[in-house]
Amino acid sequence: MNIAIVGTGGVGGYFGARLAQAGNNVTFVARGAHGNAIVENGLQLLSPKGDYLLTKAQVVDSPLKLHSPDLVLIGTKAWQVKEVARSLKEIIAENTLVIPLQNGVMAAQELTEELSMHHVMGGLCNIFSKIKEPGVIEHMSAEPHIIFGELDHRISQRASHISEVFQQAGIKHRLSSYIQGDTWKKFLLICLGGLGALTRANYGVLCETTELKEMMRQMLDEMYQVALAEGVELPEEIKDKTLKTTMSFAPSANSSMARDIWAGRPSELSYQNGSVVALAQKHGIKVPINYFIYHTLLPQEREARRQ
């Protein structure tokens, strides 16, 4: 299969390397020092599941330089999806399929604003990975996992074919019949990281501090009400399950958004707690904890983007 990876960071770099290792024709969109290192030295993957060096990797510096791929996996940050969609509109073929792997619940919608629904599936992933240095992707901890599915809930032939491609590449995955629900389940979990970003606390502190744990419960209540207003069907017990999952994290763990904010980098704040606030306002729902987190962190986010 001809596959394009747009965004060759921890997410795109890992999954793209595994797909190439399985014999697929993979082209990576990568820029700067990272892209140059991949061209010169190959893409190196360090992983508990086995290291791999992809020599002679195919690299371009813009999605506009792709040539009608069969499958596009988007591994950029959430705020970059709109720009990626505009570029893909220029190069996709009739049967090109695009799957976003971003945090948040807006990526598929933003893609369909530029591309037809025929070209877009919903998707998400669970992975702990990063660019260790230019040209090197390091995967840590749990086994990477992709969940994807048709936006109209069909188990289609093309989705089944992609499942086979992932299977052959040894990528743990699940073909979803309700990708919107799966996306929101992860969204509830990652948005709790906003409280850690604000308090500068790891998950261990959040879960061990009675007041902060109660705030997480309130955040989950707020987000659950927003999900229902959006027409997403979620069982009420998802709130307790999400909190339980958070409590299972290593005490030293924290969210990628928190790490970006602490380091003064642009983050996905607007696509996490900011999305909760925006969707709540659309439906006239009060979300005071998420509102406070978002607007308190917003000045730091604006400063990071100015820099």
C-alpha atoms as a PDB file:
ATOM      1  CA  MET A   1       0.000   0.000   0.000  1.00  0.00           C
ATOM      2  CA  ASN A   2       1.193   3.545  -0.764  1.00  0.00           C
ATOM      3  CA  ILE A   3       1.044   5.340   2.584  1.00  0.00           C
ATOM      4  CA  ALA A   4       1.848   8.938   3.523  1.00  0.00           C
ATOM      5  CA  ILE A   5       2.734   9.997   7.049  1.00  0.00           C
ATOM      6  CA  VAL A   6       2.009  13.693   7.597  1.00  0.00           C
ATOM      7  CA  GLY A   7       3.816  14.665  10.774  1.00  0.00           C
ATOM      8  CA  THR A   8       6.787  12.415  11.498  1.00  0.00           C
ATOM      9  CA  GLY A   9       6.967  12.929  15.262  1.00  0.00           C
ATOM     10  CA  GLY A  10       6.495  10.367  17.988  1.00  0.00           C
ATOM     11  CA  VAL A  11       3.153   9.238  16.565  1.00  0.00           C
ATOM     12  CA  GLY A  12       3.700   9.351  12.813  1.00  0.00           C
ATOM     13  CA  GLY A  13       7.318   8.277  13.070  1.00  0.00           C
ATOM     14  CA  TYR A  14       6.477   5.135  15.033  1.00  0.00           C
ATOM     15  CA  PHE A  15       3.529   3.935  12.958  1.00  0.00           C
ATOM     16  CA  GLY A  16       5.166   4.923   9.672  1.00  0.00           C
ATOM     17  CA  ALA A  17       8.325   2.984  10.515  1.00  0.00           C
ATOM     18  CA  ARG A  18       6.344  -0.135  11.407  1.00  0.00           C
ATOM     19  CA  LEU A  19       4.318   0.104   8.187  1.00  0.00           C
ATOM     20  CA  ALA A  20       7.506   0.493   6.141  1.00  0.00           C
ATOM     21  CA  GLN A  21       9.113  -2.405   8.015  1.00  0.00           C
ATOM     22  CA  ALA A  22       6.197  -4.574   6.833  1.00  0.00           C
ATOM     23  CA  GLY A  23       6.933  -3.734   3.205  1.00  0.00           C
ATOM     24  CA  ASN A  24       4.548  -0.862   2.505  1.00  0.00           C
ATOM     25  CA  ASN A  25       5.657   2.066   0.353  1.00  0.00           C
ATOM     26  CA  VAL A  26       5.760   4.868   2.951  1.00  0.00           C
ATOM     27  CA  THR A  27       6.516   8.547   2.364  1.00  0.00           C
ATOM     28  CA  PHE A  28       7.167  10.776   5.368  1.00  0.00           C
ATOM     29  CA  VAL A  29       6.443  14.496   5.556  1.00  0.00           C
ATOM     30  CA  ALA A  30       9.211  15.902   7.741  1.00  0.00           C
ATOM     31  CA  ARG A  31      11.020  19.242   7.821  1.00  0.00           C
ATOM     32  CA  GLY A  32      14.066  20.897   9.311  1.00  0.00           C
ATOM     33  CA  ALA A  33      16.787  19.050  11.177  1.00  0.00           C
ATOM     34  CA  HIS A  34      14.552  16.020  11.729  1.00  0.00           C
ATOM     35  CA  GLY A  35      13.727  15.677   8.036  1.00  0.00           C
ATOM     36  CA  ASN A  36      17.361  16.211   7.020  1.00  0.00           C
ATOM     37  CA  ALA A  37      18.545  13.552   9.477  1.00  0.00           C
ATOM     38  CA  ILE A  38      16.049  11.023   8.119  1.00  0.00           C
ATOM     39  CA  VAL A  39      17.231  11.697   4.565  1.00  0.00           C
ATOM     40  CA  GLU A  40      20.908  11.364   5.520  1.00  0.00           C
ATOM     41  CA  ASN A  41      20.826   8.573   8.090  1.00  0.00           C
ATOM     42  CA  GLY A  42      17.416   6.905   7.787  1.00  0.00           C
ATOM     43  CA  LEU A  43      14.600   6.827  10.329  1.00  0.00           C
ATOM     44  CA  GLN A  44      15.666   5.036  13.502  1.00  0.00           C
ATOM     45  CA  LEU A  45      13.055   3.549  15.818  1.00  0.00           C
ATOM     46  CA  LEU A  46      13.905   2.609  19.399  1.00  0.00           C
ATOM     47  CA  SER A  47      11.212   0.487  21.007  1.00  0.00           C
ATOM     48  CA  PRO A  48      10.637  -2.262  23.598  1.00  0.00           C
ATOM     49  CA  LYS A  49       8.862  -4.058  20.750  1.00  0.00           C
ATOM     50  CA  GLY A  50      12.063  -4.105  18.728  1.00  0.00           C
ATOM     51  CA  ASP A  51      14.360  -1.477  17.256  1.00  0.00           C
ATOM     52  CA  TYR A  52      14.326  -0.770  13.541  1.00  0.00           C
ATOM     53  CA  LEU A  53      16.320   1.378  11.137  1.00  0.00           C
ATOM     54  CA  LEU A  54      14.548   2.392   7.952  1.00  0.00           C
ATOM     55  CA  THR A  55      17.330   3.204   5.503  1.00  0.00           C
ATOM     56  CA  LYS A  56      16.706   5.260   2.379  1.00  0.00           C
ATOM     57  CA  ALA A  57      13.420   6.600   3.752  1.00  0.00           C
ATOM     58  CA  GLN A  58      11.272   8.573   1.343  1.00  0.00           C
ATOM     59  CA  VAL A  59      10.929  12.117   2.713  1.00  0.00           C
ATOM     60  CA  VAL A  60       9.220  15.271   1.452  1.00  0.00           C
ATOM     61  CA  ASP A  61       8.931  18.607   3.242  1.00  0.00           C
ATOM     62  CA  SER A  62       5.297  19.355   2.363  1.00  0.00           C
ATOM     63  CA  PRO A  63       2.055  17.412   1.868  1.00  0.00           C
ATOM     64  CA  LEU A  64       1.788  19.187  -1.485  1.00  0.00           C
ATOM     65  CA  LYS A  65       4.699  17.033  -2.691  1.00  0.00           C
ATOM     66  CA  LEU A  66       2.878  13.756  -2.062  1.00  0.00           C
ATOM     67  CA  HIS A  67       1.647  11.797  -5.066  1.00  0.00           C
ATOM     68  CA  SER A  68      -1.877  10.383  -4.681  1.00  0.00           C
ATOM     69  CA  PRO A  69      -1.324   8.070  -1.694  1.00  0.00           C
ATOM     70  CA  ASP A  70      -3.777   5.285  -0.899  1.00  0.00           C
ATOM     71  CA  LEU A  71      -3.717   6.088   2.827  1.00  0.00           C
ATOM     72  CA  VAL A  72      -2.698   9.212   4.743  1.00  0.00           C
ATOM     73  CA  LEU A  73      -2.090   9.051   8.494  1.00  0.00           C
ATOM     74  CA  ILE A  74      -1.967  12.482  10.118  1.00  0.00           C
ATOM     75  CA  GLY A  75       0.353  12.639  13.121  1.00  0.00           C
ATOM     76  CA  THR A  76       0.648  16.408  13.512  1.00  0.00           C
ATOM     77  CA  LYS A  77      -0.540  18.449  16.475  1.00  0.00           C
ATOM     78  CA  ALA A  78      -4.284  19.121  16.514  1.00  0.00           C
ATOM     79  CA  TRP A  79      -4.022  22.788  15.553  1.00  0.00           C
ATOM     80  CA  GLN A  80      -2.202  21.877  12.329  1.00  0.00           C
ATOM     81  CA  VAL A  81      -4.989  19.686  10.909  1.00  0.00           C
ATOM     82  CA  LYS A  82      -6.801  22.520   9.103  1.00  0.00           C
ATOM     83  CA  GLU A  83      -3.667  23.478   7.185  1.00  0.00           C
ATOM     84  CA  VAL A  84      -2.924  19.832   6.389  1.00  0.00           C
ATOM     85  CA  ALA A  85      -6.471  19.379   5.062  1.00  0.00           C
ATOM     86  CA  ARG A  86      -6.067  22.302   2.658  1.00  0.00           C
ATOM     87  CA  SER A  87      -2.839  20.791   1.328  1.00  0.00           C
ATOM     88  CA  LEU A  88      -4.279  17.291   0.970  1.00  0.00           C
ATOM     89  CA  LYS A  89      -7.170  18.686  -1.041  1.00  0.00           C
ATOM     90  CA  GLU A  90      -4.657  19.431  -3.795  1.00  0.00           C
ATOM     91  CA  ILE A  91      -3.045  15.986  -4.044  1.00  0.00           C
ATOM     92  CA  ILE A  92      -5.498  13.242  -3.086  1.00  0.00           C
ATOM     93  CA  ALA A  93      -6.758  10.728  -5.615  1.00  0.00           C
ATOM     94  CA  GLU A  94     -10.315   9.453  -5.972  1.00  0.00           C
ATOM     95  CA  ASN A  95      -9.823   6.647  -3.443  1.00  0.00           C
ATOM     96  CA  THR A  96      -7.304   8.254  -1.073  1.00  0.00           C
ATOM     97  CA  LEU A  97      -8.303   7.726   2.552  1.00  0.00           C
ATOM     98  CA  VAL A  98      -7.242  10.059   5.368  1.00  0.00           C
ATOM     99  CA  ILE A  99      -7.177   9.022   9.041  1.00  0.00           C
ATOM    100  CA  PRO A 100      -6.323  11.571  11.771  1.00  0.00           C
ATOM    101  CA  LEU A 101      -4.604  10.345  14.935  1.00  0.00           C
ATOM    102  CA  GLN A 102      -4.815  13.588  16.930  1.00  0.00           C
ATOM    103  CA  ASN A 103      -5.931  14.209  20.475  1.00  0.00           C
ATOM    104  CA  GLY A 104      -9.317  15.912  20.722  1.00  0.00           C
ATOM    105  CA  VAL A 105     -12.639  15.529  18.951  1.00  0.00           C
ATOM    106  CA  MET A 106     -12.353  18.061  16.115  1.00  0.00           C
ATOM    107  CA  ALA A 107      -9.899  16.507  13.633  1.00  0.00           C
ATOM    108  CA  ALA A 108     -12.325  14.488  11.482  1.00  0.00           C
ATOM    109  CA  GLN A 109     -14.753  17.409  11.320  1.00  0.00           C
ATOM    110  CA  GLU A 110     -12.000  19.813  10.284  1.00  0.00           C
ATOM    111  CA  LEU A 111     -10.873  17.405   7.571  1.00  0.00           C
ATOM    112  CA  THR A 112     -14.388  17.083   6.165  1.00  0.00           C
ATOM    113  CA  GLU A 113     -14.624  20.864   5.907  1.00  0.00           C
ATOM    114  CA  GLU A 114     -11.994  20.641   3.136  1.00  0.00           C
ATOM    115  CA  LEU A 115     -12.316  17.043   1.929  1.00  0.00           C
ATOM    116  CA  SER A 116     -15.435  15.034   1.224  1.00  0.00           C
ATOM    117  CA  MET A 117     -16.555  12.476   3.804  1.00  0.00           C
ATOM    118  CA  HIS A 118     -15.651   9.819   1.219  1.00  0.00           C
ATOM    119  CA  HIS A 119     -11.981  10.540   1.929  1.00  0.00           C
ATOM    120  CA  VAL A 120     -12.103  10.700   5.741  1.00  0.00           C
ATOM    121  CA  MET A 121     -12.345   8.197   8.578  1.00  0.00           C
ATOM    122  CA  GLY A 122     -12.200   8.920  12.285  1.00  0.00           C
ATOM    123  CA  GLY A 123      -9.206   7.800  14.270  1.00  0.00           C
ATOM    124  CA  LEU A 124      -7.167   8.040  17.431  1.00  0.00           C
ATOM    125  CA  CYS A 125      -4.137   6.380  18.930  1.00  0.00           C
ATOM    126  CA  ASN A 126      -2.605   5.558  22.270  1.00  0.00           C
ATOM    127  CA  ILE A 127       1.179   5.733  22.371  1.00  0.00           C
ATOM    128  CA  PHE A 128       4.000   7.050  24.543  1.00  0.00           C
ATOM    129  CA  SER A 129       6.709   8.158  22.121  1.00  0.00           C
ATOM    130  CA  LYS A 130       8.797  11.170  21.144  1.00  0.00           C
ATOM    131  CA  ILE A 131      11.536  12.454  18.882  1.00  0.00           C
ATOM    132  CA  LYS A 132      14.621  11.583  20.945  1.00  0.00           C
ATOM    133  CA  GLU A 133      16.882  13.472  18.556  1.00  0.00           C
ATOM    134  CA  PRO A 134      16.672  14.351  14.847  1.00  0.00           C
ATOM    135  CA  GLY A 135      16.016  11.177  12.903  1.00  0.00           C
ATOM    136  CA  VAL A 136      15.345   9.068  16.006  1.00  0.00           C
ATOM    137  CA  ILE A 137      11.922   8.074  17.371  1.00  0.00           C
ATOM    138  CA  GLU A 138      11.782   6.595  20.861  1.00  0.00           C
ATOM    139  CA  HIS A 139       8.776   4.536  21.945  1.00  0.00           C
ATOM    140  CA  MET A 140       8.368   3.951  25.672  1.00  0.00           C
ATOM    141  CA  SER A 141       6.070   1.899  27.868  1.00  0.00           C
ATOM    142  CA  ALA A 142       2.697   0.537  26.687  1.00  0.00           C
ATOM    143  CA  GLU A 143       2.045  -1.078  23.313  1.00  0.00           C
ATOM    144  CA  PRO A 144       0.934   1.468  20.686  1.00  0.00           C
ATOM    145  CA  HIS A 145      -2.685   1.118  19.645  1.00  0.00           C
ATOM    146  CA  ILE A 146      -4.776   2.645  16.825  1.00  0.00           C
ATOM    147  CA  ILE A 147      -8.577   2.828  16.813  1.00  0.00           C
ATOM    148  CA  PHE A 148     -10.243   3.890  13.554  1.00  0.00           C
ATOM    149  CA  GLY A 149     -13.552   3.605  11.753  1.00  0.00           C
ATOM    150  CA  GLU A 150     -15.992   5.000   9.226  1.00  0.00           C
ATOM    151  CA  LEU A 151     -17.801   8.176  10.275  1.00  0.00           C
ATOM    152  CA  ASP A 152     -21.140   6.588   9.321  1.00  0.00           C
ATOM    153  CA  HIS A 153     -20.391   3.542  11.529  1.00  0.00           C
ATOM    154  CA  ARG A 154     -20.169   1.021   8.650  1.00  0.00           C
ATOM    155  CA  ILE A 155     -17.634  -1.802   8.752  1.00  0.00           C
ATOM    156  CA  SER A 156     -16.622  -1.197   5.165  1.00  0.00           C
ATOM    157  CA  GLN A 157     -14.437  -3.220   2.834  1.00  0.00           C
ATOM    158  CA  ARG A 158     -11.812  -0.456   2.728  1.00  0.00           C
ATOM    159  CA  ALA A 159     -11.709  -0.272   6.518  1.00  0.00           C
ATOM    160  CA  SER A 160     -11.249  -4.029   6.709  1.00  0.00           C
ATOM    161  CA  HIS A 161      -8.397  -3.776   4.193  1.00  0.00           C
ATOM    162  CA  ILE A 162      -6.627  -1.162   6.333  1.00  0.00           C
ATOM    163  CA  SER A 163      -7.111  -3.439   9.326  1.00  0.00           C
ATOM    164  CA  GLU A 164      -5.276  -6.162   7.414  1.00  0.00           C
ATOM    165  CA  VAL A 165      -2.445  -3.741   6.614  1.00  0.00           C
ATOM    166  CA  PHE A 166      -2.095  -2.839  10.288  1.00  0.00           C
ATOM    167  CA  GLN A 167      -2.236  -6.510  11.233  1.00  0.00           C
ATOM    168  CA  GLN A 168       0.569  -7.390   8.827  1.00  0.00           C
ATOM    169  CA  ALA A 169       2.661  -4.566  10.309  1.00  0.00           C
ATOM    170  CA  GLY A 170       2.145  -5.876  13.845  1.00  0.00           C
ATOM    171  CA  ILE A 171       0.259  -2.741  14.865  1.00  0.00           C
ATOM    172  CA  LYS A 172      -2.303  -3.342  17.592  1.00  0.00           C
ATOM    173  CA  HIS A 173      -5.573  -1.808  16.441  1.00  0.00           C
ATOM    174  CA  ARG A 174      -9.338  -1.959  16.566  1.00  0.00           C
ATOM    175  CA  LEU A 175     -11.816  -1.260  13.786  1.00  0.00           C
ATOM    176  CA  SER A 176     -14.575   0.716  15.480  1.00  0.00           C
ATOM    177  CA  SER A 177     -18.274   0.723  14.617  1.00  0.00           C
ATOM    178  CA  TYR A 178     -18.732   3.933  16.648  1.00  0.00           C
ATOM    179  CA  ILE A 179     -15.586   6.002  16.284  1.00  0.00           C
ATOM    180  CA  GLN A 180     -17.214   9.155  17.688  1.00  0.00           C
ATOM    181  CA  GLY A 181     -17.836   7.404  20.992  1.00  0.00           C
ATOM    182  CA  ASP A 182     -14.303   6.022  21.093  1.00  0.00           C
ATOM    183  CA  THR A 183     -12.883   9.468  20.334  1.00  0.00           C
ATOM    184  CA  TRP A 184     -14.854  11.058  23.160  1.00  0.00           C
ATOM    185  CA  LYS A 185     -13.795   8.364  25.616  1.00  0.00           C
ATOM    186  CA  LYS A 186     -10.169   9.305  25.038  1.00  0.00           C
ATOM    187  CA  PHE A 187     -11.069  13.003  25.027  1.00  0.00           C
ATOM    188  CA  LEU A 188     -12.460  12.785  28.556  1.00  0.00           C
ATOM    189  CA  LEU A 189      -9.215  11.226  29.696  1.00  0.00           C
ATOM    190  CA  ILE A 190      -6.772  13.622  28.069  1.00  0.00           C
ATOM    191  CA  CYS A 191      -8.644  16.751  29.150  1.00  0.00           C
ATOM    192  CA  LEU A 192      -7.966  15.847  32.786  1.00  0.00           C
ATOM    193  CA  GLY A 193      -4.341  16.642  31.962  1.00  0.00           C
ATOM    194  CA  GLY A 194      -5.334  20.302  31.813  1.00  0.00           C
ATOM    195  CA  LEU A 195      -5.619  20.312  35.589  1.00  0.00           C
ATOM    196  CA  GLY A 196      -2.092  18.943  35.836  1.00  0.00           C
ATOM    197  CA  ALA A 197      -0.861  21.607  33.413  1.00  0.00           C
ATOM    198  CA  LEU A 198      -2.402  24.340  35.552  1.00  0.00           C
ATOM    199  CA  THR A 199      -1.239  23.010  38.931  1.00  0.00           C
ATOM    200  CA  ARG A 200       2.134  21.864  37.523  1.00  0.00           C
ATOM    201  CA  ALA A 201       1.435  18.495  39.122  1.00  0.00           C
ATOM    202  CA  ASN A 202       1.902  14.942  37.832  1.00  0.00           C
ATOM    203  CA  TYR A 203      -0.967  12.445  37.880  1.00  0.00           C
ATOM    204  CA  GLY A 204       0.222  11.014  41.194  1.00  0.00           C
ATOM    205  CA  VAL A 205      -0.350  14.350  42.939  1.00  0.00           C
ATOM    206  CA  LEU A 206      -3.702  14.882  41.200  1.00  0.00           C
ATOM    207  CA  CYS A 207      -4.982  11.499  42.335  1.00  0.00           C
ATOM    208  CA  GLU A 208      -3.580  11.648  45.860  1.00  0.00           C
ATOM    209  CA  THR A 209      -4.888  15.139  46.662  1.00  0.00           C
ATOM    210  CA  THR A 210      -8.518  14.944  47.766  1.00  0.00           C
ATOM    211  CA  GLU A 211      -9.479  18.367  46.438  1.00  0.00           C
ATOM    212  CA  LEU A 212      -7.827  17.860  43.054  1.00  0.00           C
ATOM    213  CA  LYS A 213      -9.357  14.412  42.656  1.00  0.00           C
ATOM    214  CA  GLU A 214     -12.778  15.967  43.318  1.00  0.00           C
ATOM    215  CA  MET A 215     -12.064  18.601  40.685  1.00  0.00           C
ATOM    216  CA  MET A 216     -11.338  15.835  38.182  1.00  0.00           C
ATOM    217  CA  ARG A 217     -14.702  14.277  39.036  1.00  0.00           C
ATOM    218  CA  GLN A 218     -16.385  17.606  38.345  1.00  0.00           C
ATOM    219  CA  MET A 219     -14.502  17.972  35.063  1.00  0.00           C
ATOM    220  CA  LEU A 220     -15.729  14.539  33.970  1.00  0.00           C
ATOM    221  CA  ASP A 221     -19.309  15.491  34.856  1.00  0.00           C
ATOM    222  CA  GLU A 222     -18.978  18.646  32.754  1.00  0.00           C
ATOM    223  CA  MET A 223     -17.503  16.850  29.743  1.00  0.00           C
ATOM    224  CA  TYR A 224     -20.045  14.054  29.934  1.00  0.00           C
ATOM    225  CA  GLN A 225     -22.902  16.566  29.712  1.00  0.00           C
ATOM    226  CA  VAL A 226     -21.254  18.230  26.707  1.00  0.00           C
ATOM    227  CA  ALA A 227     -20.839  14.867  24.974  1.00  0.00           C
ATOM    228  CA  LEU A 228     -24.534  14.071  25.434  1.00  0.00           C
ATOM    229  CA  ALA A 229     -25.470  17.505  24.071  1.00  0.00           C
ATOM    230  CA  GLU A 230     -23.319  16.770  21.022  1.00  0.00           C
ATOM    231  CA  GLY A 231     -25.361  13.628  20.428  1.00  0.00           C
ATOM    232  CA  VAL A 232     -22.575  11.254  21.459  1.00  0.00           C
ATOM    233  CA  GLU A 233     -23.818   8.138  23.221  1.00  0.00           C
ATOM    234  CA  LEU A 234     -21.671   7.336  26.255  1.00  0.00           C
ATOM    235  CA  PRO A 235     -22.522   5.171  29.270  1.00  0.00           C
ATOM    236  CA  GLU A 236     -22.577   7.143  32.521  1.00  0.00           C
ATOM    237  CA  GLU A 237     -20.080   4.736  34.062  1.00  0.00           C
ATOM    238  CA  ILE A 238     -17.443   6.082  31.643  1.00  0.00           C
ATOM    239  CA  LYS A 239     -16.790   8.828  34.211  1.00  0.00           C
ATOM    240  CA  ASP A 240     -15.750   6.395  36.934  1.00  0.00           C
ATOM    241  CA  LYS A 241     -13.806   4.264  34.438  1.00  0.00           C
ATOM    242  CA  THR A 242     -11.887   7.312  33.207  1.00  0.00           C
ATOM    243  CA  LEU A 243     -10.958   8.386  36.714  1.00  0.00           C
ATOM    244  CA  LYS A 244      -9.888   4.826  37.521  1.00  0.00           C
ATOM    245  CA  THR A 245      -7.667   4.799  34.428  1.00  0.00           C
ATOM    246  CA  THR A 246      -6.058   8.060  35.518  1.00  0.00           C
ATOM    247  CA  MET A 247      -5.345   6.579  38.935  1.00  0.00           C
ATOM    248  CA  SER A 248      -3.580   3.636  37.265  1.00  0.00           C
ATOM    249  CA  PHE A 249      -0.976   5.893  35.639  1.00  0.00           C
ATOM    250  CA  ALA A 250       2.538   5.990  37.058  1.00  0.00           C
ATOM    251  CA  PRO A 251       2.661   8.733  39.732  1.00  0.00           C
ATOM    252  CA  SER A 252       5.352  10.551  37.745  1.00  0.00           C
ATOM    253  CA  ALA A 253       3.301  10.557  34.510  1.00  0.00           C
ATOM    254  CA  ASN A 254       1.856  13.719  33.000  1.00  0.00           C
ATOM    255  CA  SER A 255       0.131  14.763  29.782  1.00  0.00           C
ATOM    256  CA  SER A 256       1.790  15.890  26.555  1.00  0.00           C
ATOM    257  CA  MET A 257      -0.160  19.139  26.774  1.00  0.00           C
ATOM    258  CA  ALA A 258       1.175  19.771  30.278  1.00  0.00           C
ATOM    259  CA  ARG A 259       4.741  19.150  29.117  1.00  0.00           C
ATOM    260  CA  ASP A 260       4.333  21.591  26.240  1.00  0.00           C
ATOM    261  CA  ILE A 261       2.873  24.283  28.493  1.00  0.00           C
ATOM    262  CA  TRP A 262       5.543  23.839  31.153  1.00  0.00           C
ATOM    263  CA  ALA A 263       8.240  24.125  28.489  1.00  0.00           C
ATOM    264  CA  GLY A 264       6.721  27.286  27.012  1.00  0.00           C
ATOM    265  CA  ARG A 265       5.812  25.577  23.732  1.00  0.00           C
ATOM    266  CA  PRO A 266       2.529  25.932  21.801  1.00  0.00           C
ATOM    267  CA  SER A 267       0.126  23.269  23.056  1.00  0.00           C
ATOM    268  CA  GLU A 268      -3.201  21.636  22.221  1.00  0.00           C
ATOM    269  CA  LEU A 269      -4.988  23.664  24.921  1.00  0.00           C
ATOM    270  CA  SER A 270      -7.603  25.027  22.508  1.00  0.00           C
ATOM    271  CA  TYR A 271      -8.341  21.506  21.226  1.00  0.00           C
ATOM    272  CA  GLN A 272      -8.673  19.999  24.685  1.00  0.00           C
ATOM    273  CA  ASN A 273     -10.132  22.085  27.521  1.00  0.00           C
ATOM    274  CA  GLY A 274     -10.769  24.868  25.005  1.00  0.00           C
ATOM    275  CA  SER A 275     -12.967  22.554  22.928  1.00  0.00           C
ATOM    276  CA  VAL A 276     -14.951  21.635  26.044  1.00  0.00           C
ATOM    277  CA  VAL A 277     -15.582  25.336  26.694  1.00  0.00           C
ATOM    278  CA  ALA A 278     -16.513  26.119  23.071  1.00  0.00           C
ATOM    279  CA  LEU A 279     -18.914  23.184  22.729  1.00  0.00           C
ATOM    280  CA  ALA A 280     -20.456  23.925  26.123  1.00  0.00           C
ATOM    281  CA  GLN A 281     -21.126  27.513  25.072  1.00  0.00           C
ATOM    282  CA  LYS A 282     -22.779  26.246  21.886  1.00  0.00           C
ATOM    283  CA  HIS A 283     -25.247  24.239  23.958  1.00  0.00           C
ATOM    284  CA  GLY A 284     -25.654  26.679  26.858  1.00  0.00           C
ATOM    285  CA  ILE A 285     -23.967  24.333  29.362  1.00  0.00           C
ATOM    286  CA  LYS A 286     -21.940  25.574  32.330  1.00  0.00           C
ATOM    287  CA  VAL A 287     -18.461  24.008  32.638  1.00  0.00           C
ATOM    288  CA  PRO A 288     -16.811  26.100  35.383  1.00  0.00           C
ATOM    289  CA  ILE A 289     -13.781  23.891  36.041  1.00  0.00           C
ATOM    290  CA  ASN A 290     -12.854  23.506  32.388  1.00  0.00           C
ATOM    291  CA  TYR A 291     -13.587  27.208  31.836  1.00  0.00           C
ATOM    292  CA  PHE A 292     -11.217  28.181  34.650  1.00  0.00           C
ATOM    293  CA  ILE A 293      -8.448  25.856  33.433  1.00  0.00           C
ATOM    294  CA  TYR A 294      -8.691  27.050  29.837  1.00  0.00           C
ATOM    295  CA  HIS A 295      -8.813  30.771  30.499  1.00  0.00           C
ATOM    296  CA  THR A 296      -6.114  30.633  33.178  1.00  0.00           C
ATOM    297  CA  LEU A 297      -3.699  28.848  30.834  1.00  0.00           C
ATOM    298  CA  LEU A 298      -4.659  30.877  27.762  1.00  0.00           C
ATOM    299  CA  PRO A 299      -2.256  33.804  28.395  1.00  0.00           C
ATOM    300  CA  GLN A 300       0.685  31.359  28.552  1.00  0.00           C
ATOM    301  CA  GLU A 301      -0.517  29.721  25.337  1.00  0.00           C
ATOM    302  CA  ARG A 302      -0.723  33.064  23.543  1.00  0.00           C
ATOM    303  CA  GLU A 303       2.769  33.998  24.708  1.00  0.00           C
ATOM    304  CA  ALA A 304       4.173  30.655  23.517  1.00  0.00           C
ATOM    305  CA  ARG A 305       2.683  31.227  20.084  1.00  0.00           C
ATOM    306  CA  ARG A 306       4.041  34.769  19.891  1.00  0.00           C
ATOM    307  CA  GLN A 307       7.519  33.426  20.590  1.00  0.00           C
END
